[in-house]
Amino acid sequence: MKRYMRFLAIFAVLGLVLAACSPADEGGEETTTTESSDEPTTTESMTSTTEAVDTTTTGATAEMTPVKTCFVTDDAGVDDRSFNASGWQGVQDAVASGAVEPDPILLESTSEADYQPHIETCLSQGAEHIVTSGFKLAGSTETFAAQNPAVQWTIIDFASVGRNVTGLEYQTDEAAFAAGYLAAGVSQTGTVATYGGQNIPTVAIFLDGFARGVAHYNEIKGTEVQVLGWDVEAQEGTMTGVFDPADPIVRSTCESQLDEGADIILPVGGAINLPCGTAIQDRGIEGALIGVDADAVEAMPAEFQDLWLTTVLKGIAIQVQRSLEAHASGSPSGGISLVGNLENDAVGLAPYHSWEDRVPDELDAEVQQILEDIKSGTITWDKFVVGG
């Protein structure tokens, strides 16, 4: 029976006591590049250290005082089937564990113009902990966190931007590397592909790891599997420019890659993978998609279940839950960025589900070994810098 990397993102946030902190390093790709006008500025007084969290058991502590919590989505809304949905799930899980008061506040943004007034609403309603979802809210989070030092904050997919802000970041290129190797081994056409919504670090990190994994497969096997959509050297690739699956450019982007022979595709950007699934189904080809963030078989509509080869997983829900539990237990983790990776089980690959019988045992064993080799440092490359 095949072995799978079962995903359990577990973090030692509880009991974390911050020692002397140093100013944030501005050199990391992951934390300094943004295409949003809401980009944060870095101040000399801002404290932001990085920690790769340890693995501990999950669960609430006996000494928690529930905190009033408010969650603000980015403009994709809470039903993005991606990190907004996962972040909100983390808040709900924290309610169940006793860390968050019942009926947490949910404010869904439809545009960037909503971010500031939504945060103001959180504050006016007495929120003790505000969770902001995504890099687009970084500027507003930094500004309001500085103005409201008694409030704790958690920002998803971005570094800490203040002494009272916990940043949640992920080394997803590690798992994406294994997914690229897997895709190269499964492909029947010898061509695989990837595309993203925008060339921003939290998107590009998936594409980069994926392309490097395909290259590793070629090096090991002596093959020439082609990967469309990302140039490792130029750090550029195919982008739709939007995260809206209804935009015609999303499907046309996928269609062009299918036209070039791609049969395994990794789309990165919430539900922009769904039009690609429809295109594969309409063509009647034996193609597959690779999901991101939450296991796509569970997160995406049922009609696409047979298309998911695997998912590059990101432990957003549990990280949000742990940050809230740390606050409720009296030891908030503000001022640091918690970086999830393979070593601490905060990123990984989902099971192959309906593709299980189409992944040879030998290939699966190689994928699992690659995951272990990345953990141990046997396989290394110039990874994206996160937690800077």
Foldseek 3Di string as FASTA:
>chain_A
DFDFDDFDFAFDLAPDADDDFAFDDCPFQQANDDPAPLAADGDRPFGAFADAGAHDDDAFDPQFAAFAEEEEEAQCWCLLLFLSVLQVLLVVVLVVRNLHPPPHHYHYHNHLVVLQVSVVVCVVVPGQEYEYEDNNNVNVCLVVCVVPVRHAYEYESHTFNHQRYEYEHEQLLLQLLLVLLQLCVLDPQLEAEEEEADLGNVQLLNVLSNVNSVVVNCVVVVDRRHYAFADNVVSGGHHLNHLDLPPPSLLVSLVVSVVVPHQEYEYYHRPSCVSNLVVCVVVVDNGAYEAEADWCLVSPDVVSNLRYQKYWHANNSSVSNSQSSNVRNPHHPHSYYHYYYLLSSRIHIGHRVNCVVSRDSVSSVVSVVSSVCVNVVVDDDPHRDPRD
